[in-house]
Amino acid sequence: MMKPYRNQSGDSGVVSFEIGPDFINLKFRNNDTVYHYDHTMPGQIHVERMKRLALAGAGLSTYVSQHVRDSYASKE
């Protein structure tokens, strides 16, 4: 189930997220698509970092744009 992203900066592109044992799903502003990132793509290190940022409510959109970009496993 997607949770709202706290967006502490007020200008994040991420609006909601869902965390699982080996994945994170993200929904971005102005887009109804849900992007699935997992330990296969973009890899465990990135996914675990994205999970921490999502829970902190800060830095997630910047991290995705700087380190992950289009390296998602799937989108729906």
Protein backbone atom coordinates (compact mmCIF):
# COMPACT_ATOMS: atom_id res chain seq x y z
CA MET A 1 0.00 0.00 0.00
CA MET A 2 1.39 3.38 -1.03
CA LYS A 3 2.17 5.91 1.73
CA PRO A 4 2.41 9.65 1.21
CA TYR A 5 5.97 10.95 0.99
CA ARG A 6 6.56 13.59 3.69
CA ASN A 7 8.43 15.88 1.30
CA GLN A 8 10.17 17.95 3.96
CA SER A 9 11.70 20.28 1.36
CA GLY A 10 8.29 21.03 -0.17
CA ASP A 11 9.49 20.62 -3.75
CA SER A 12 9.99 16.86 -4.21
CA GLY A 13 8.87 15.07 -7.35
CA VAL A 14 7.95 12.01 -5.25
CA VAL A 15 4.39 11.94 -3.90
CA SER A 16 4.10 8.41 -2.47
CA PHE A 17 6.05 5.22 -1.89
CA GLU A 18 5.68 1.58 -0.90
CA ILE A 19 8.46 -0.44 0.71
CA GLY A 20 8.89 -4.20 0.65
CA PRO A 21 11.71 -6.50 1.74
CA ASP A 22 13.65 -6.15 -1.52
CA PHE A 23 11.89 -3.33 -3.36
CA ILE A 24 10.54 0.20 -3.29
CA ASN A 25 7.72 1.54 -5.47
CA LEU A 26 7.51 5.25 -6.19
CA LYS A 27 4.85 7.49 -7.63
CA PHE A 28 5.95 10.88 -8.92
CA ARG A 29 4.12 14.19 -9.17
CA ASN A 30 2.29 14.74 -12.49
CA ASN A 31 2.45 11.03 -13.33
CA ASP A 32 0.06 8.21 -12.40
CA THR A 33 2.70 5.59 -13.19
CA VAL A 34 4.15 3.55 -10.30
CA TYR A 35 7.85 2.79 -10.75
CA HIS A 36 9.18 -0.44 -9.22
CA TYR A 37 12.82 -0.58 -8.12
CA ASP A 38 14.26 -3.79 -6.70
CA HIS A 39 17.47 -5.55 -5.76
CA THR A 40 17.86 -6.65 -9.39
CA MET A 41 17.40 -3.18 -10.91
CA PRO A 42 18.90 -0.75 -9.89
CA GLY A 43 20.42 -3.02 -7.23
CA GLN A 44 20.39 -3.58 -3.49
CA ILE A 45 22.60 -0.63 -2.54
CA HIS A 46 20.39 1.89 -4.36
CA VAL A 47 17.11 0.36 -3.18
CA GLU A 48 18.18 0.29 0.46
CA ARG A 49 19.34 3.91 0.25
CA MET A 50 16.05 4.91 -1.40
CA LYS A 51 14.12 3.19 1.42
CA ARG A 52 16.00 5.17 4.07
CA LEU A 53 15.39 8.44 2.22
CA ALA A 54 11.69 7.62 1.74
CA LEU A 55 11.25 6.99 5.46
CA ALA A 56 13.16 10.17 6.31
CA GLY A 57 10.97 12.20 3.94
CA ALA A 58 13.90 14.05 2.42
CA GLY A 59 16.31 13.67 -0.50
CA LEU A 60 14.58 10.85 -2.37
CA SER A 61 13.75 12.66 -5.60
CA THR A 62 17.26 14.12 -5.79
CA TYR A 63 18.81 10.69 -5.20
CA VAL A 64 16.69 9.12 -7.94
CA SER A 65 17.56 11.84 -10.45
CA GLN A 66 21.29 11.78 -9.64
CA HIS A 67 21.94 8.05 -9.15
CA VAL A 68 19.09 5.89 -10.46
CA ARG A 69 17.39 7.77 -13.30
CA ASP A 70 15.64 5.26 -15.58
CA SER A 71 17.07 2.15 -13.91
CA TYR A 72 13.74 0.87 -12.64
CA ALA A 73 12.77 -2.81 -12.79
CA SER A 74 9.27 -2.12 -14.13
CA LYS A 75 6.48 0.43 -14.24
CA GLU A 76 2.71 0.17 -14.20
